[in-house]
Amino acid sequence: MLRLSQFVQAAAVHERLPAPFDPRLRMGAWGGTAGVFLYVVTAMATRLRVHHATKNPGFFVVGWRLLLDVTIGSQARMTVPLGVTVIALALELAILTRGFMAGPLWTHLAAVTIAAIGVVALVPVLIVVGVLAFNLALWVLLVVVVMTVVIALIGALLDP
């Protein structure tokens, strides 16, 4: 008869054996790593661009304060070093698991965590992209309206 302590010892060995990653988990872990990397690059690039700017520059019609809060706010200053640390840990995990191919149980849980962190890290990136796209759309709309008015005025002046 098998005792519980013998069963636990036998099961512990199997928990340490490498198990293959599900392809969706592998893609999620790589996507999470890329999401955190994209956040770090976006935060650093926008911080370099708008660090000394306090007034609204000419391009931004709306969303300037939001962009400042997301990119150079006090919380954003703390999250960039944290993002670099998460990237380093994710790359170490990728090396340990040979590109998120196989690993013990704890590596699977760590890959899920990296994927979730990557999704959360994409929120500020999407805010920045949304503000830029909205401002670009407003400027395109302004150019179209001005061109329409100019064409209408030229048409009215040339019409006999």
N, C-alpha and C. Protein backbone atom coordinates (compact mmCIF):
# COMPACT_ATOMS: atom_id res chain seq x y z
N MET A 1 0.84 -1.17 0.00
CA MET A 1 0.00 0.00 0.00
C MET A 1 0.89 1.24 0.00
N LEU A 2 0.51 2.22 -0.79
CA LEU A 2 1.28 3.46 -0.93
C LEU A 2 0.84 4.46 0.14
N ARG A 3 1.79 4.95 0.88
CA ARG A 3 1.49 5.95 1.91
C ARG A 3 1.45 7.34 1.29
N LEU A 4 0.81 8.25 2.00
CA LEU A 4 0.69 9.62 1.51
C LEU A 4 2.06 10.30 1.39
N SER A 5 2.94 10.08 2.34
CA SER A 5 4.27 10.70 2.28
C SER A 5 5.06 10.19 1.07
N GLN A 6 4.92 8.90 0.74
CA GLN A 6 5.59 8.36 -0.44
C GLN A 6 5.01 8.97 -1.72
N PHE A 7 3.70 9.14 -1.72
CA PHE A 7 3.04 9.74 -2.89
C PHE A 7 3.49 11.19 -3.09
N VAL A 8 3.58 11.95 -2.02
CA VAL A 8 4.01 13.35 -2.10
C VAL A 8 5.45 13.43 -2.59
N GLN A 9 6.33 12.57 -2.10
CA GLN A 9 7.71 12.57 -2.57
C GLN A 9 7.80 12.22 -4.04
N ALA A 10 7.01 11.28 -4.49
CA ALA A 10 7.03 10.90 -5.91
C ALA A 10 6.44 12.01 -6.78
N ALA A 11 5.42 12.67 -6.27
CA ALA A 11 4.80 13.75 -7.04
C ALA A 11 5.71 14.97 -7.13
N ALA A 12 6.48 15.24 -6.08
CA ALA A 12 7.38 16.39 -6.09
C ALA A 12 8.42 16.27 -7.18
N VAL A 13 8.86 15.07 -7.48
CA VAL A 13 9.85 14.87 -8.54
C VAL A 13 9.23 15.25 -9.88
N HIS A 14 7.99 14.87 -10.09
CA HIS A 14 7.34 15.16 -11.37
C HIS A 14 7.03 16.65 -11.53
N GLU A 15 6.83 17.38 -10.45
CA GLU A 15 6.57 18.81 -10.56
C GLU A 15 7.81 19.56 -11.02
N ARG A 16 8.99 19.01 -10.76
CA ARG A 16 10.22 19.68 -11.18
C ARG A 16 10.63 19.33 -12.60
N LEU A 17 10.02 18.32 -13.19
CA LEU A 17 10.36 17.94 -14.55
C LEU A 17 9.83 18.99 -15.53
N PRO A 18 10.58 19.26 -16.60
CA PRO A 18 10.09 20.25 -17.56
C PRO A 18 8.87 19.74 -18.32
N ALA A 19 7.90 20.60 -18.41
CA ALA A 19 6.69 20.32 -19.19
C ALA A 19 6.63 21.30 -20.34
N PRO A 20 6.15 20.88 -21.50
CA PRO A 20 6.11 21.81 -22.64
C PRO A 20 5.09 22.93 -22.42
N PHE A 21 5.44 24.10 -22.92
CA PHE A 21 4.53 25.26 -22.85
C PHE A 21 3.46 25.11 -23.92
N ASP A 22 2.28 25.54 -23.59
CA ASP A 22 1.22 25.63 -24.58
C ASP A 22 1.59 26.74 -25.57
N PRO A 23 1.32 26.58 -26.85
CA PRO A 23 1.69 27.63 -27.81
C PRO A 23 1.08 28.99 -27.49
N ARG A 24 -0.14 29.01 -26.96
CA ARG A 24 -0.75 30.30 -26.60
C ARG A 24 -0.04 30.95 -25.43
N LEU A 25 0.42 30.13 -24.48
CA LEU A 25 1.19 30.67 -23.36
C LEU A 25 2.54 31.19 -23.83
N ARG A 26 3.14 30.49 -24.77
CA ARG A 26 4.42 30.95 -25.34
C ARG A 26 4.24 32.29 -26.04
N MET A 27 3.18 32.40 -26.85
CA MET A 27 2.92 33.68 -27.53
C MET A 27 2.58 34.78 -26.53
N GLY A 28 1.84 34.44 -25.48
CA GLY A 28 1.49 35.42 -24.46
C GLY A 28 2.72 35.92 -23.72
N ALA A 29 3.65 35.03 -23.41
CA ALA A 29 4.87 35.44 -22.71
C ALA A 29 5.73 36.33 -23.59
N TRP A 30 5.89 35.96 -24.85
CA TRP A 30 6.66 36.82 -25.75
C TRP A 30 5.95 38.14 -25.98
N GLY A 31 4.62 38.09 -26.11
CA GLY A 31 3.85 39.33 -26.28
C GLY A 31 3.92 40.23 -25.05
N GLY A 32 3.91 39.63 -23.87
CA GLY A 32 4.05 40.41 -22.65
C GLY A 32 5.41 41.07 -22.55
N THR A 33 6.44 40.34 -22.94
CA THR A 33 7.78 40.92 -22.96
C THR A 33 7.85 42.08 -23.95
N ALA A 34 7.26 41.89 -25.13
CA ALA A 34 7.24 42.96 -26.12
C ALA A 34 6.40 44.15 -25.65
N GLY A 35 5.30 43.89 -24.95
CA GLY A 35 4.46 44.98 -24.45
C GLY A 35 5.19 45.83 -23.42
N VAL A 36 5.91 45.19 -22.52
CA VAL A 36 6.67 45.95 -21.53
C VAL A 36 7.79 46.72 -22.21
N PHE A 37 8.45 46.10 -23.18
CA PHE A 37 9.51 46.80 -23.92
C PHE A 37 8.95 48.01 -24.66
N LEU A 38 7.80 47.85 -25.28
CA LEU A 38 7.17 48.96 -25.99
C LEU A 38 6.80 50.09 -25.03
N TYR A 39 6.34 49.73 -23.83
CA TYR A 39 6.03 50.75 -22.84
C TYR A 39 7.29 51.52 -22.43
N VAL A 40 8.36 50.80 -22.16
CA VAL A 40 9.60 51.46 -21.73
C VAL A 40 10.11 52.40 -22.82
N VAL A 41 10.10 51.94 -24.06
CA VAL A 41 10.57 52.78 -25.18
C VAL A 41 9.67 54.00 -25.35
N THR A 42 8.36 53.81 -25.29
CA THR A 42 7.43 54.93 -25.44
C THR A 42 7.59 55.94 -24.31
N ALA A 43 7.69 55.44 -23.08
CA ALA A 43 7.82 56.35 -21.94
C ALA A 43 9.12 57.15 -22.01
N MET A 44 10.20 56.48 -22.39
CA MET A 44 11.48 57.20 -22.46
C MET A 44 11.51 58.18 -23.63
N ALA A 45 10.96 57.78 -24.77
CA ALA A 45 10.96 58.68 -25.93
C ALA A 45 10.09 59.90 -25.70
N THR A 46 8.91 59.71 -25.14
CA THR A 46 8.06 60.87 -24.89
C THR A 46 8.59 61.72 -23.75
N ARG A 47 9.24 61.10 -22.78
CA ARG A 47 9.84 61.88 -21.71
C ARG A 47 10.97 62.75 -22.26
N LEU A 48 11.76 62.22 -23.17
CA LEU A 48 12.82 63.03 -23.78
C LEU A 48 12.23 64.17 -24.61
N ARG A 49 11.10 63.93 -25.24
CA ARG A 49 10.49 64.93 -26.12
C ARG A 49 9.77 66.02 -25.34
N VAL A 50 9.07 65.66 -24.28
CA VAL A 50 8.22 66.64 -23.60
C VAL A 50 8.71 66.97 -22.19
N HIS A 51 9.93 66.62 -21.85
CA HIS A 51 10.42 66.80 -20.49
C HIS A 51 10.39 68.27 -20.06
N HIS A 52 10.87 69.17 -20.90
CA HIS A 52 10.95 70.57 -20.52
C HIS A 52 9.76 71.39 -21.02
N ALA A 53 8.87 70.75 -21.73
CA ALA A 53 7.73 71.49 -22.26
C ALA A 53 6.65 71.60 -21.19
N THR A 54 6.28 72.80 -20.88
CA THR A 54 5.20 73.00 -19.92
C THR A 54 3.96 73.56 -20.60
N LYS A 55 4.16 74.37 -21.63
CA LYS A 55 3.01 74.89 -22.37
C LYS A 55 2.61 73.90 -23.45
N ASN A 56 1.42 74.07 -23.91
CA ASN A 56 0.89 73.20 -24.95
C ASN A 56 1.58 73.53 -26.28
N PRO A 57 2.30 72.57 -26.89
CA PRO A 57 2.89 72.85 -28.20
C PRO A 57 1.82 72.95 -29.27
N GLY A 58 2.19 73.44 -30.42
CA GLY A 58 1.23 73.74 -31.47
C GLY A 58 0.50 72.54 -32.02
N PHE A 59 1.10 71.36 -32.03
CA PHE A 59 0.46 70.20 -32.64
C PHE A 59 -0.71 69.70 -31.82
N PHE A 60 -0.62 69.78 -30.50
CA PHE A 60 -1.62 69.18 -29.64
C PHE A 60 -2.82 70.10 -29.47
N VAL A 61 -3.94 69.68 -30.01
CA VAL A 61 -5.18 70.41 -29.85
C VAL A 61 -5.84 70.00 -28.52
N VAL A 62 -5.84 68.72 -28.25
CA VAL A 62 -6.41 68.18 -27.02
C VAL A 62 -5.48 67.11 -26.46
N GLY A 63 -5.59 66.84 -25.18
CA GLY A 63 -4.89 65.72 -24.57
C GLY A 63 -3.48 65.99 -24.09
N TRP A 64 -3.04 67.26 -24.07
CA TRP A 64 -1.66 67.55 -23.67
C TRP A 64 -1.42 67.22 -22.21
N ARG A 65 -2.34 67.59 -21.33
CA ARG A 65 -2.17 67.28 -19.90
C ARG A 65 -2.19 65.78 -19.64
N LEU A 66 -3.05 65.08 -20.35
CA LEU A 66 -3.10 63.63 -20.22
C LEU A 66 -1.79 62.99 -20.65
N LEU A 67 -1.23 63.48 -21.74
CA LEU A 67 0.04 62.97 -22.22
C LEU A 67 1.16 63.25 -21.23
N LEU A 68 1.15 64.44 -20.63
CA LEU A 68 2.15 64.75 -19.61
C LEU A 68 2.01 63.85 -18.39
N ASP A 69 0.78 63.62 -17.96
CA ASP A 69 0.56 62.78 -16.78
C ASP A 69 0.98 61.34 -17.02
N VAL A 70 0.69 60.82 -18.21
CA VAL A 70 1.02 59.42 -18.51
C VAL A 70 2.52 59.23 -18.68
N THR A 71 3.20 60.20 -19.29
CA THR A 71 4.59 59.96 -19.66
C THR A 71 5.60 60.48 -18.64
N ILE A 72 5.34 61.62 -18.02
CA ILE A 72 6.35 62.14 -17.09
C ILE A 72 5.78 62.39 -15.70
N GLY A 73 4.65 61.78 -15.42
CA GLY A 73 4.08 61.90 -14.08
C GLY A 73 4.93 61.15 -13.07
N SER A 74 4.63 61.34 -11.82
CA SER A 74 5.46 60.74 -10.76
C SER A 74 5.40 59.22 -10.80
N GLN A 75 4.26 58.64 -11.15
CA GLN A 75 4.18 57.19 -11.23
C GLN A 75 4.91 56.67 -12.45
N ALA A 76 4.91 57.42 -13.55
CA ALA A 76 5.61 56.98 -14.75
C ALA A 76 7.12 56.96 -14.51
N ARG A 77 7.62 57.86 -13.67
CA ARG A 77 9.05 57.86 -13.37
C ARG A 77 9.47 56.59 -12.64
N MET A 78 8.58 56.06 -11.83
CA MET A 78 8.92 54.85 -11.08
C MET A 78 8.73 53.59 -11.90
N THR A 79 7.86 53.61 -12.90
CA THR A 79 7.56 52.39 -13.62
C THR A 79 8.57 52.06 -14.70
N VAL A 80 9.34 53.02 -15.18
CA VAL A 80 10.32 52.72 -16.22
C VAL A 80 11.42 51.79 -15.67
N PRO A 81 12.03 52.07 -14.52
CA PRO A 81 13.00 51.10 -14.00
C PRO A 81 12.37 49.74 -13.69
N LEU A 82 11.12 49.76 -13.24
CA LEU A 82 10.42 48.51 -13.00
C LEU A 82 10.20 47.75 -14.31
N GLY A 83 9.87 48.47 -15.37
CA GLY A 83 9.71 47.84 -16.68
C GLY A 83 11.00 47.23 -17.20
N VAL A 84 12.11 47.93 -16.99
CA VAL A 84 13.41 47.37 -17.40
C VAL A 84 13.70 46.10 -16.61
N THR A 85 13.37 46.09 -15.34
CA THR A 85 13.57 44.90 -14.52
C THR A 85 12.70 43.74 -15.00
N VAL A 86 11.45 44.02 -15.35
CA VAL A 86 10.57 42.97 -15.85
C VAL A 86 11.09 42.42 -17.17
N ILE A 87 11.62 43.28 -18.04
CA ILE A 87 12.20 42.80 -19.30
C ILE A 87 13.38 41.89 -19.03
N ALA A 88 14.24 42.28 -18.09
CA ALA A 88 15.39 41.45 -17.76
C ALA A 88 14.95 40.09 -17.20
N LEU A 89 13.96 40.09 -16.32
CA LEU A 89 13.47 38.83 -15.77
C LEU A 89 12.80 37.97 -16.83
N ALA A 90 12.06 38.60 -17.75
CA ALA A 90 11.41 37.84 -18.81
C ALA A 90 12.44 37.22 -19.75
N LEU A 91 13.49 37.95 -20.05
CA LEU A 91 14.52 37.39 -20.91
C LEU A 91 15.30 36.27 -20.21
N GLU A 92 15.51 36.42 -18.92
CA GLU A 92 16.14 35.34 -18.17
C GLU A 92 15.25 34.09 -18.16
N LEU A 93 13.96 34.29 -18.01
CA LEU A 93 13.03 33.16 -18.05
C LEU A 93 13.00 32.53 -19.44
N ALA A 94 13.07 33.36 -20.46
CA ALA A 94 13.10 32.82 -21.83
C ALA A 94 14.36 32.00 -22.06
N ILE A 95 15.48 32.45 -21.52
CA ILE A 95 16.72 31.67 -21.66
C ILE A 95 16.61 30.36 -20.88
N LEU A 96 16.07 30.42 -19.68
CA LEU A 96 15.94 29.23 -18.83
C LEU A 96 15.02 28.19 -19.47
N THR A 97 13.97 28.64 -20.12
CA THR A 97 12.99 27.72 -20.72
C THR A 97 13.24 27.49 -22.20
N ARG A 98 14.37 27.95 -22.70
CA ARG A 98 14.74 27.80 -24.12
C ARG A 98 13.67 28.40 -25.04
N GLY A 99 13.39 29.66 -24.80
CA GLY A 99 12.41 30.37 -25.63
C GLY A 99 10.98 30.02 -25.29
N PHE A 100 10.70 29.83 -24.01
CA PHE A 100 9.37 29.46 -23.52
C PHE A 100 8.87 28.16 -24.18
N MET A 101 9.78 27.20 -24.30
CA MET A 101 9.41 25.91 -24.90
C MET A 101 9.01 24.89 -23.85
N ALA A 102 9.82 24.75 -22.79
CA ALA A 102 9.51 23.77 -21.75
C ALA A 102 10.18 24.20 -20.46
N GLY A 103 9.51 23.90 -19.34
CA GLY A 103 10.07 24.25 -18.05
C GLY A 103 9.23 23.69 -16.93
N PRO A 104 9.72 23.77 -15.71
CA PRO A 104 8.93 23.31 -14.57
C PRO A 104 7.68 24.17 -14.36
N LEU A 105 6.87 23.75 -13.43
CA LEU A 105 5.58 24.41 -13.20
C LEU A 105 5.72 25.90 -12.89
N TRP A 106 6.70 26.26 -12.10
CA TRP A 106 6.83 27.66 -11.70
C TRP A 106 7.15 28.55 -12.90
N THR A 107 7.81 28.01 -13.93
CA THR A 107 8.09 28.83 -15.12
C THR A 107 6.82 29.12 -15.91
N HIS A 108 5.87 28.19 -15.87
CA HIS A 108 4.59 28.42 -16.54
C HIS A 108 3.83 29.54 -15.83
N LEU A 109 3.84 29.51 -14.52
CA LEU A 109 3.17 30.58 -13.76
C LEU A 109 3.86 31.93 -13.98
N ALA A 110 5.18 31.91 -14.06
CA ALA A 110 5.91 33.15 -14.33
C ALA A 110 5.60 33.68 -15.72
N ALA A 111 5.42 32.79 -16.70
CA ALA A 111 5.08 33.21 -18.06
C ALA A 111 3.69 33.84 -18.10
N VAL A 112 2.75 33.29 -17.35
CA VAL A 112 1.41 33.89 -17.27
C VAL A 112 1.50 35.29 -16.65
N THR A 113 2.33 35.43 -15.62
CA THR A 113 2.50 36.73 -14.97
C THR A 113 3.11 37.73 -15.94
N ILE A 114 4.09 37.33 -16.71
CA ILE A 114 4.72 38.23 -17.69
C ILE A 114 3.71 38.65 -18.75
N ALA A 115 2.88 37.71 -19.19
CA ALA A 115 1.86 38.05 -20.19
C ALA A 115 0.87 39.07 -19.62
N ALA A 116 0.46 38.90 -18.37
CA ALA A 116 -0.48 39.85 -17.75
C ALA A 116 0.16 41.22 -17.55
N ILE A 117 1.42 41.25 -17.14
CA ILE A 117 2.12 42.53 -16.97
C ILE A 117 2.24 43.25 -18.32
N GLY A 118 2.49 42.49 -19.38
CA GLY A 118 2.58 43.09 -20.71
C GLY A 118 1.29 43.72 -21.17
N VAL A 119 0.17 43.08 -20.85
CA VAL A 119 -1.14 43.65 -21.21
C VAL A 119 -1.37 44.95 -20.44
N VAL A 120 -1.04 44.95 -19.16
CA VAL A 120 -1.22 46.16 -18.35
C VAL A 120 -0.29 47.27 -18.82
N ALA A 121 0.93 46.91 -19.24
CA ALA A 121 1.89 47.91 -19.68
C ALA A 121 1.48 48.56 -21.00
N LEU A 122 0.63 47.90 -21.76
CA LEU A 122 0.20 48.48 -23.03
C LEU A 122 -0.83 49.60 -22.87
N VAL A 123 -1.45 49.71 -21.71
CA VAL A 123 -2.49 50.74 -21.52
C VAL A 123 -1.92 52.15 -21.71
N PRO A 124 -0.80 52.53 -21.05
CA PRO A 124 -0.26 53.88 -21.30
C PRO A 124 0.19 54.08 -22.74
N VAL A 125 0.70 53.03 -23.37
CA VAL A 125 1.11 53.13 -24.77
C VAL A 125 -0.10 53.43 -25.65
N LEU A 126 -1.20 52.74 -25.39
CA LEU A 126 -2.41 52.99 -26.16
C LEU A 126 -2.98 54.38 -25.90
N ILE A 127 -2.81 54.89 -24.69
CA ILE A 127 -3.26 56.26 -24.40
C ILE A 127 -2.45 57.26 -25.21
N VAL A 128 -1.14 57.09 -25.24
CA VAL A 128 -0.27 58.00 -26.01
C VAL A 128 -0.60 57.91 -27.49
N VAL A 129 -0.74 56.70 -28.01
CA VAL A 129 -1.07 56.54 -29.43
C VAL A 129 -2.45 57.12 -29.73
N GLY A 130 -3.40 56.93 -28.81
CA GLY A 130 -4.73 57.50 -29.01
C GLY A 130 -4.73 59.01 -29.04
N VAL A 131 -3.98 59.64 -28.12
CA VAL A 131 -3.90 61.10 -28.10
C VAL A 131 -3.26 61.61 -29.39
N LEU A 132 -2.18 60.98 -29.82
CA LEU A 132 -1.52 61.40 -31.06
C LEU A 132 -2.43 61.20 -32.27
N ALA A 133 -3.11 60.06 -32.34
CA ALA A 133 -4.01 59.81 -33.48
C ALA A 133 -5.19 60.77 -33.49
N PHE A 134 -5.74 61.08 -32.32
CA PHE A 134 -6.87 62.01 -32.25
C PHE A 134 -6.43 63.41 -32.69
N ASN A 135 -5.25 63.85 -32.26
CA ASN A 135 -4.76 65.15 -32.68
C ASN A 135 -4.48 65.17 -34.18
N LEU A 136 -3.92 64.10 -34.71
CA LEU A 136 -3.68 64.03 -36.15
C LEU A 136 -4.99 64.08 -36.92
N ALA A 137 -6.01 63.38 -36.42
CA ALA A 137 -7.32 63.41 -37.08
C ALA A 137 -7.93 64.81 -37.04
N LEU A 138 -7.77 65.51 -35.93
CA LEU A 138 -8.29 66.87 -35.86
C LEU A 138 -7.58 67.80 -36.85
N TRP A 139 -6.26 67.63 -36.98
CA TRP A 139 -5.53 68.46 -37.94
C TRP A 139 -5.91 68.12 -39.38
N VAL A 140 -6.12 66.86 -39.69
CA VAL A 140 -6.58 66.48 -41.03
C VAL A 140 -7.95 67.06 -41.30
N LEU A 141 -8.83 67.00 -40.31
CA LEU A 141 -10.16 67.59 -40.45
C LEU A 141 -10.07 69.10 -40.67
N LEU A 142 -9.19 69.77 -39.95
CA LEU A 142 -9.00 71.20 -40.12
C LEU A 142 -8.51 71.54 -41.53
N VAL A 143 -7.56 70.77 -42.02
CA VAL A 143 -7.04 71.01 -43.38
C VAL A 143 -8.13 70.78 -44.42
N VAL A 144 -8.93 69.75 -44.25
CA VAL A 144 -10.01 69.48 -45.21
C VAL A 144 -11.04 70.61 -45.17
N VAL A 145 -11.39 71.09 -43.99
CA VAL A 145 -12.37 72.17 -43.89
C VAL A 145 -11.82 73.45 -44.52
N VAL A 146 -10.57 73.78 -44.24
CA VAL A 146 -9.96 74.99 -44.82
C VAL A 146 -9.89 74.87 -46.33
N MET A 147 -9.50 73.70 -46.84
CA MET A 147 -9.43 73.53 -48.29
C MET A 147 -10.81 73.64 -48.93
N THR A 148 -11.83 73.11 -48.26
CA THR A 148 -13.19 73.20 -48.78
C THR A 148 -13.66 74.65 -48.82
N VAL A 149 -13.37 75.41 -47.78
CA VAL A 149 -13.76 76.82 -47.74
C VAL A 149 -13.02 77.60 -48.82
N VAL A 150 -11.73 77.35 -48.98
CA VAL A 150 -10.95 78.06 -50.01
C VAL A 150 -11.46 77.73 -51.40
N ILE A 151 -11.74 76.47 -51.66
CA ILE A 151 -12.29 76.08 -52.96
C ILE A 151 -13.65 76.70 -53.18
N ALA A 152 -14.49 76.75 -52.16
CA ALA A 152 -15.81 77.38 -52.29
C ALA A 152 -15.68 78.87 -52.57
N LEU A 153 -14.74 79.56 -51.88
CA LEU A 153 -14.53 80.98 -52.12
C LEU A 153 -14.00 81.24 -53.53
N ILE A 154 -13.06 80.45 -53.97
CA ILE A 154 -12.52 80.62 -55.33
C ILE A 154 -13.62 80.36 -56.36
N GLY A 155 -14.43 79.32 -56.10
CA GLY A 155 -15.55 79.04 -56.99
C GLY A 155 -16.57 80.17 -57.04
N ALA A 156 -16.82 80.80 -55.88
CA ALA A 156 -17.79 81.90 -55.83
C ALA A 156 -17.23 83.14 -56.50
N LEU A 157 -15.93 83.40 -56.39
CA LEU A 157 -15.32 84.56 -57.01
C LEU A 157 -15.21 84.41 -58.52
N LEU A 158 -14.98 83.20 -59.00
CA LEU A 158 -14.81 82.99 -60.43
C LEU A 158 -16.14 82.75 -61.15
N ASP A 159 -17.20 82.52 -60.42
CA ASP A 159 -18.51 82.27 -61.01
C ASP A 159 -19.10 83.60 -61.49
N PRO A 160 -19.44 83.71 -62.80
CA PRO A 160 -19.97 84.99 -63.31
C PRO A 160 -21.37 85.30 -62.90
